[in-house]
Amino acid sequence: MADNKVPADRAKTFLGRLIRVSVPLHELDFISKVGRLNREAAVALLQKHMGDREAVFRELASNRKP
């Protein structure tokens, strides 16, 4: 009987690959620049919001200091 569970590391890697494919590199750079984040933090933010770029920009706007 096969175990159908996906290891946590594999699922995380798959999601990371999915985001890299679905978000153009220039847009990832833009998110990094606007949010003053490094690339890894920008990818983590995209993963948190499941690739929804509008939600990412909403969070960045709410975190901005005046």
PDB file of N, CA and C in Angstrom:
ATOM      1  N   MET A   1       0.843  -1.178   0.000  1.00  0.00           N
ATOM      2  CA  MET A   1       0.000   0.000   0.000  1.00  0.00           C
ATOM      3  C   MET A   1       0.891   1.245   0.000  1.00  0.00           C
ATOM      4  N   ALA A   2       0.660   2.132  -0.926  1.00  0.00           N
ATOM      5  CA  ALA A   2       1.498   3.318  -1.072  1.00  0.00           C
ATOM      6  C   ALA A   2       1.074   4.403  -0.095  1.00  0.00           C
ATOM      7  N   ASP A   3       2.056   5.131   0.393  1.00  0.00           N
ATOM      8  CA  ASP A   3       1.802   6.260   1.280  1.00  0.00           C
ATOM      9  C   ASP A   3       1.632   7.506   0.408  1.00  0.00           C
ATOM     10  N   ASN A   4       0.452   8.120   0.444  1.00  0.00           N
ATOM     11  CA  ASN A   4       0.156   9.260  -0.426  1.00  0.00           C
ATOM     12  C   ASN A   4       0.503  10.609   0.183  1.00  0.00           C
ATOM     13  N   LYS A   5       1.139  10.620   1.337  1.00  0.00           N
ATOM     14  CA  LYS A   5       1.509  11.886   1.963  1.00  0.00           C
ATOM     15  C   LYS A   5       2.697  12.491   1.222  1.00  0.00           C
ATOM     16  N   VAL A   6       2.649  13.798   1.041  1.00  0.00           N
ATOM     17  CA  VAL A   6       3.761  14.516   0.425  1.00  0.00           C
ATOM     18  C   VAL A   6       4.619  15.065   1.554  1.00  0.00           C
ATOM     19  N   PRO A   7       5.905  14.784   1.547  1.00  0.00           N
ATOM     20  CA  PRO A   7       6.763  15.330   2.595  1.00  0.00           C
ATOM     21  C   PRO A   7       6.715  16.856   2.600  1.00  0.00           C
ATOM     22  N   ALA A   8       6.808  17.442   3.763  1.00  0.00           N
ATOM     23  CA  ALA A   8       6.694  18.897   3.906  1.00  0.00           C
ATOM     24  C   ALA A   8       7.731  19.625   3.064  1.00  0.00           C
ATOM     25  N   ASP A   9       8.954  19.123   3.024  1.00  0.00           N
ATOM     26  CA  ASP A   9       9.999  19.777   2.235  1.00  0.00           C
ATOM     27  C   ASP A   9       9.668  19.759   0.749  1.00  0.00           C
ATOM     28  N   ARG A  10       9.134  18.668   0.304  1.00  0.00           N
ATOM     29  CA  ARG A  10       8.793  18.551  -1.118  1.00  0.00           C
ATOM     30  C   ARG A  10       7.649  19.501  -1.477  1.00  0.00           C
ATOM     31  N   ALA A  11       6.648  19.598  -0.610  1.00  0.00           N
ATOM     32  CA  ALA A  11       5.524  20.496  -0.872  1.00  0.00           C
ATOM     33  C   ALA A  11       5.999  21.943  -0.902  1.00  0.00           C
ATOM     34  N   LYS A  12       6.884  22.312   0.000  1.00  0.00           N
ATOM     35  CA  LYS A  12       7.412  23.668   0.044  1.00  0.00           C
ATOM     36  C   LYS A  12       8.204  23.962  -1.223  1.00  0.00           C
ATOM     37  N   THR A  13       9.003  23.010  -1.666  1.00  0.00           N
ATOM     38  CA  THR A  13       9.778  23.184  -2.884  1.00  0.00           C
ATOM     39  C   THR A  13       8.860  23.331  -4.083  1.00  0.00           C
ATOM     40  N   PHE A  14       7.819  22.526  -4.139  1.00  0.00           N
ATOM     41  CA  PHE A  14       6.871  22.610  -5.249  1.00  0.00           C
ATOM     42  C   PHE A  14       6.212  23.979  -5.293  1.00  0.00           C
ATOM     43  N   LEU A  15       5.799  24.503  -4.137  1.00  0.00           N
ATOM     44  CA  LEU A  15       5.159  25.809  -4.106  1.00  0.00           C
ATOM     45  C   LEU A  15       6.143  26.885  -4.547  1.00  0.00           C
ATOM     46  N   GLY A  16       7.383  26.770  -4.117  1.00  0.00           N
ATOM     47  CA  GLY A  16       8.400  27.722  -4.549  1.00  0.00           C
ATOM     48  C   GLY A  16       8.593  27.696  -6.051  1.00  0.00           C
ATOM     49  N   ARG A  17       8.615  26.516  -6.626  1.00  0.00           N
ATOM     50  CA  ARG A  17       8.740  26.398  -8.083  1.00  0.00           C
ATOM     51  C   ARG A  17       7.512  26.969  -8.770  1.00  0.00           C
ATOM     52  N   LEU A  18       6.349  26.736  -8.222  1.00  0.00           N
ATOM     53  CA  LEU A  18       5.109  27.240  -8.797  1.00  0.00           C
ATOM     54  C   LEU A  18       5.131  28.763  -8.845  1.00  0.00           C
ATOM     55  N   ILE A  19       5.581  29.383  -7.769  1.00  0.00           N
ATOM     56  CA  ILE A  19       5.627  30.841  -7.732  1.00  0.00           C
ATOM     57  C   ILE A  19       6.659  31.367  -8.710  1.00  0.00           C
ATOM     58  N   ARG A  20       7.809  30.720  -8.804  1.00  0.00           N
ATOM     59  CA  ARG A  20       8.818  31.188  -9.748  1.00  0.00           C
ATOM     60  C   ARG A  20       8.317  31.116 -11.179  1.00  0.00           C
ATOM     61  N   VAL A  21       7.479  30.153 -11.459  1.00  0.00           N
ATOM     62  CA  VAL A  21       6.947  30.014 -12.805  1.00  0.00           C
ATOM     63  C   VAL A  21       5.834  31.024 -13.056  1.00  0.00           C
ATOM     64  N   SER A  22       4.989  31.277 -12.055  1.00  0.00           N
ATOM     65  CA  SER A  22       3.822  32.104 -12.281  1.00  0.00           C
ATOM     66  C   SER A  22       4.077  33.601 -12.091  1.00  0.00           C
ATOM     67  N   VAL A  23       5.167  33.983 -11.470  1.00  0.00           N
ATOM     68  CA  VAL A  23       5.488  35.394 -11.265  1.00  0.00           C
ATOM     69  C   VAL A  23       6.763  35.708 -12.040  1.00  0.00           C
ATOM     70  N   PRO A  24       6.676  36.646 -12.969  1.00  0.00           N
ATOM     71  CA  PRO A  24       7.875  36.998 -13.736  1.00  0.00           C
ATOM     72  C   PRO A  24       8.968  37.550 -12.827  1.00  0.00           C
ATOM     73  N   LEU A  25      10.194  37.340 -13.226  1.00  0.00           N
ATOM     74  CA  LEU A  25      11.337  37.766 -12.432  1.00  0.00           C
ATOM     75  C   LEU A  25      11.338  39.275 -12.211  1.00  0.00           C
ATOM     76  N   HIS A  26      10.959  40.040 -13.217  1.00  0.00           N
ATOM     77  CA  HIS A  26      10.947  41.497 -13.050  1.00  0.00           C
ATOM     78  C   HIS A  26       9.909  41.933 -12.026  1.00  0.00           C
ATOM     79  N   GLU A  27       8.820  41.196 -11.928  1.00  0.00           N
ATOM     80  CA  GLU A  27       7.807  41.535 -10.937  1.00  0.00           C
ATOM     81  C   GLU A  27       8.268  41.163  -9.529  1.00  0.00           C
ATOM     82  N   LEU A  28       8.977  40.060  -9.404  1.00  0.00           N
ATOM     83  CA  LEU A  28       9.549  39.679  -8.119  1.00  0.00           C
ATOM     84  C   LEU A  28      10.560  40.732  -7.671  1.00  0.00           C
ATOM     85  N   ASP A  29      11.353  41.233  -8.590  1.00  0.00           N
ATOM     86  CA  ASP A  29      12.305  42.299  -8.273  1.00  0.00           C
ATOM     87  C   ASP A  29      11.567  43.570  -7.841  1.00  0.00           C
ATOM     88  N   PHE A  30      10.448  43.861  -8.489  1.00  0.00           N
ATOM     89  CA  PHE A  30       9.666  45.041  -8.135  1.00  0.00           C
ATOM     90  C   PHE A  30       9.087  44.913  -6.725  1.00  0.00           C
ATOM     91  N   ILE A  31       8.561  43.740  -6.389  1.00  0.00           N
ATOM     92  CA  ILE A  31       8.040  43.499  -5.041  1.00  0.00           C
ATOM     93  C   ILE A  31       9.160  43.663  -4.023  1.00  0.00           C
ATOM     94  N   SER A  32      10.336  43.156  -4.345  1.00  0.00           N
ATOM     95  CA  SER A  32      11.490  43.289  -3.450  1.00  0.00           C
ATOM     96  C   SER A  32      11.849  44.757  -3.241  1.00  0.00           C
ATOM     97  N   LYS A  33      11.817  45.529  -4.320  1.00  0.00           N
ATOM     98  CA  LYS A  33      12.192  46.933  -4.236  1.00  0.00           C
ATOM     99  C   LYS A  33      11.151  47.737  -3.467  1.00  0.00           C
ATOM    100  N   VAL A  34       9.886  47.534  -3.778  1.00  0.00           N
ATOM    101  CA  VAL A  34       8.811  48.280  -3.114  1.00  0.00           C
ATOM    102  C   VAL A  34       8.758  47.961  -1.629  1.00  0.00           C
ATOM    103  N   GLY A  35       8.888  46.687  -1.306  1.00  0.00           N
ATOM    104  CA  GLY A  35       8.807  46.271   0.086  1.00  0.00           C
ATOM    105  C   GLY A  35      10.118  46.341   0.832  1.00  0.00           C
ATOM    106  N   ARG A  36      11.187  46.724   0.114  1.00  0.00           N
ATOM    107  CA  ARG A  36      12.538  46.741   0.694  1.00  0.00           C
ATOM    108  C   ARG A  36      12.864  45.399   1.334  1.00  0.00           C
ATOM    109  N   LEU A  37      12.626  44.349   0.542  1.00  0.00           N
ATOM    110  CA  LEU A  37      12.842  42.971   0.971  1.00  0.00           C
ATOM    111  C   LEU A  37      13.933  42.345   0.115  1.00  0.00           C
ATOM    112  N   ASN A  38      14.567  41.314   0.652  1.00  0.00           N
ATOM    113  CA  ASN A  38      15.451  40.541  -0.209  1.00  0.00           C
ATOM    114  C   ASN A  38      14.580  39.565  -1.010  1.00  0.00           C
ATOM    115  N   ARG A  39      15.162  38.915  -1.973  1.00  0.00           N
ATOM    116  CA  ARG A  39      14.383  38.055  -2.868  1.00  0.00           C
ATOM    117  C   ARG A  39      13.702  36.904  -2.119  1.00  0.00           C
ATOM    118  N   GLU A  40      14.384  36.329  -1.131  1.00  0.00           N
ATOM    119  CA  GLU A  40      13.810  35.214  -0.368  1.00  0.00           C
ATOM    120  C   GLU A  40      12.583  35.662   0.415  1.00  0.00           C
ATOM    121  N   ALA A  41      12.634  36.856   0.987  1.00  0.00           N
ATOM    122  CA  ALA A  41      11.488  37.382   1.734  1.00  0.00           C
ATOM    123  C   ALA A  41      10.320  37.672   0.792  1.00  0.00           C
ATOM    124  N   ALA A  42      10.625  38.148  -0.417  1.00  0.00           N
ATOM    125  CA  ALA A  42       9.563  38.411  -1.393  1.00  0.00           C
ATOM    126  C   ALA A  42       8.882  37.115  -1.818  1.00  0.00           C
ATOM    127  N   VAL A  43       9.671  36.059  -2.027  1.00  0.00           N
ATOM    128  CA  VAL A  43       9.103  34.751  -2.386  1.00  0.00           C
ATOM    129  C   VAL A  43       8.258  34.220  -1.231  1.00  0.00           C
ATOM    130  N   ALA A  44       8.744  34.387   0.003  1.00  0.00           N
ATOM    131  CA  ALA A  44       7.978  33.938   1.170  1.00  0.00           C
ATOM    132  C   ALA A  44       6.653  34.679   1.270  1.00  0.00           C
ATOM    133  N   LEU A  45       6.666  35.966   0.970  1.00  0.00           N
ATOM    134  CA  LEU A  45       5.435  36.750   1.001  1.00  0.00           C
ATOM    135  C   LEU A  45       4.463  36.272  -0.077  1.00  0.00           C
ATOM    136  N   LEU A  46       4.979  35.966  -1.253  1.00  0.00           N
ATOM    137  CA  LEU A  46       4.132  35.425  -2.316  1.00  0.00           C
ATOM    138  C   LEU A  46       3.570  34.060  -1.931  1.00  0.00           C
ATOM    139  N   GLN A  47       4.369  33.241  -1.272  1.00  0.00           N
ATOM    140  CA  GLN A  47       3.887  31.937  -0.825  1.00  0.00           C
ATOM    141  C   GLN A  47       2.794  32.109   0.217  1.00  0.00           C
ATOM    142  N   LYS A  48       2.975  33.059   1.112  1.00  0.00           N
ATOM    143  CA  LYS A  48       1.979  33.315   2.153  1.00  0.00           C
ATOM    144  C   LYS A  48       0.625  33.658   1.535  1.00  0.00           C
ATOM    145  N   HIS A  49       0.657  34.425   0.458  1.00  0.00           N
ATOM    146  CA  HIS A  49      -0.579  34.862  -0.190  1.00  0.00           C
ATOM    147  C   HIS A  49      -0.938  34.001  -1.405  1.00  0.00           C
ATOM    148  N   MET A  50      -0.290  32.849  -1.526  1.00  0.00           N
ATOM    149  CA  MET A  50      -0.580  31.884  -2.590  1.00  0.00           C
ATOM    150  C   MET A  50      -0.482  32.509  -3.987  1.00  0.00           C
ATOM    151  N   GLY A  51       0.470  33.417  -4.165  1.00  0.00           N
ATOM    152  CA  GLY A  51       0.709  34.016  -5.465  1.00  0.00           C
ATOM    153  C   GLY A  51      -0.198  35.177  -5.811  1.00  0.00           C
ATOM    154  N   ASP A  52      -1.088  35.567  -4.899  1.00  0.00           N
ATOM    155  CA  ASP A  52      -2.005  36.693  -5.151  1.00  0.00           C
ATOM    156  C   ASP A  52      -1.239  37.997  -4.990  1.00  0.00           C
ATOM    157  N   ARG A  53      -0.873  38.602  -6.101  1.00  0.00           N
ATOM    158  CA  ARG A  53      -0.039  39.794  -6.057  1.00  0.00           C
ATOM    159  C   ARG A  53      -0.764  40.990  -5.469  1.00  0.00           C
ATOM    160  N   GLU A  54      -2.081  41.077  -5.663  1.00  0.00           N
ATOM    161  CA  GLU A  54      -2.834  42.179  -5.062  1.00  0.00           C
ATOM    162  C   GLU A  54      -2.768  42.111  -3.544  1.00  0.00           C
ATOM    163  N   ALA A  55      -2.877  40.916  -2.979  1.00  0.00           N
ATOM    164  CA  ALA A  55      -2.782  40.746  -1.529  1.00  0.00           C
ATOM    165  C   ALA A  55      -1.385  41.094  -1.035  1.00  0.00           C
ATOM    166  N   VAL A  56      -0.372  40.768  -1.820  1.00  0.00           N
ATOM    167  CA  VAL A  56       1.003  41.107  -1.451  1.00  0.00           C
ATOM    168  C   VAL A  56       1.158  42.621  -1.371  1.00  0.00           C
ATOM    169  N   PHE A  57       0.666  43.334  -2.378  1.00  0.00           N
ATOM    170  CA  PHE A  57       0.798  44.791  -2.380  1.00  0.00           C
ATOM    171  C   PHE A  57      -0.036  45.433  -1.278  1.00  0.00           C
ATOM    172  N   ARG A  58      -1.198  44.849  -0.955  1.00  0.00           N
ATOM    173  CA  ARG A  58      -1.990  45.359   0.174  1.00  0.00           C
ATOM    174  C   ARG A  58      -1.208  45.248   1.473  1.00  0.00           C
ATOM    175  N   GLU A  59      -0.555  44.097   1.675  1.00  0.00           N
ATOM    176  CA  GLU A  59       0.228  43.910   2.896  1.00  0.00           C
ATOM    177  C   GLU A  59       1.417  44.854   2.922  1.00  0.00           C
ATOM    178  N   LEU A  60       2.079  45.026   1.783  1.00  0.00           N
ATOM    179  CA  LEU A  60       3.208  45.947   1.739  1.00  0.00           C
ATOM    180  C   LEU A  60       2.752  47.371   2.047  1.00  0.00           C
ATOM    181  N   ALA A  61       1.598  47.756   1.522  1.00  0.00           N
ATOM    182  CA  ALA A  61       1.078  49.110   1.773  1.00  0.00           C
ATOM    183  C   ALA A  61       0.717  49.298   3.235  1.00  0.00           C
ATOM    184  N   SER A  62       0.169  48.269   3.874  1.00  0.00           N
ATOM    185  CA  SER A  62      -0.208  48.397   5.277  1.00  0.00           C
ATOM    186  C   SER A  62       1.021  48.409   6.187  1.00  0.00           C
ATOM    187  N   ASN A  63       2.121  47.837   5.742  1.00  0.00           N
ATOM    188  CA  ASN A  63       3.352  47.812   6.540  1.00  0.00           C
ATOM    189  C   ASN A  63       4.220  49.045   6.339  1.00  0.00           C
ATOM    190  N   ARG A  64       3.871  49.871   5.363  1.00  0.00           N
ATOM    191  CA  ARG A  64       4.689  51.063   5.059  1.00  0.00           C
ATOM    192  C   ARG A  64       4.600  52.088   6.164  1.00  0.00           C
ATOM    193  N   LYS A  65       5.735  52.668   6.468  1.00  0.00           N
ATOM    194  CA  LYS A  65       5.776  53.727   7.476  1.00  0.00           C
ATOM    195  C   LYS A  65       5.595  55.074   6.778  1.00  0.00           C
ATOM    196  N   PRO A  66       4.869  56.002   7.413  1.00  0.00           N
ATOM    197  CA  PRO A  66       4.635  57.315   6.775  1.00  0.00           C
ATOM    198  C   PRO A  66       5.880  58.150   6.631  1.00  0.00           C
TER     199      PRO A  66
END
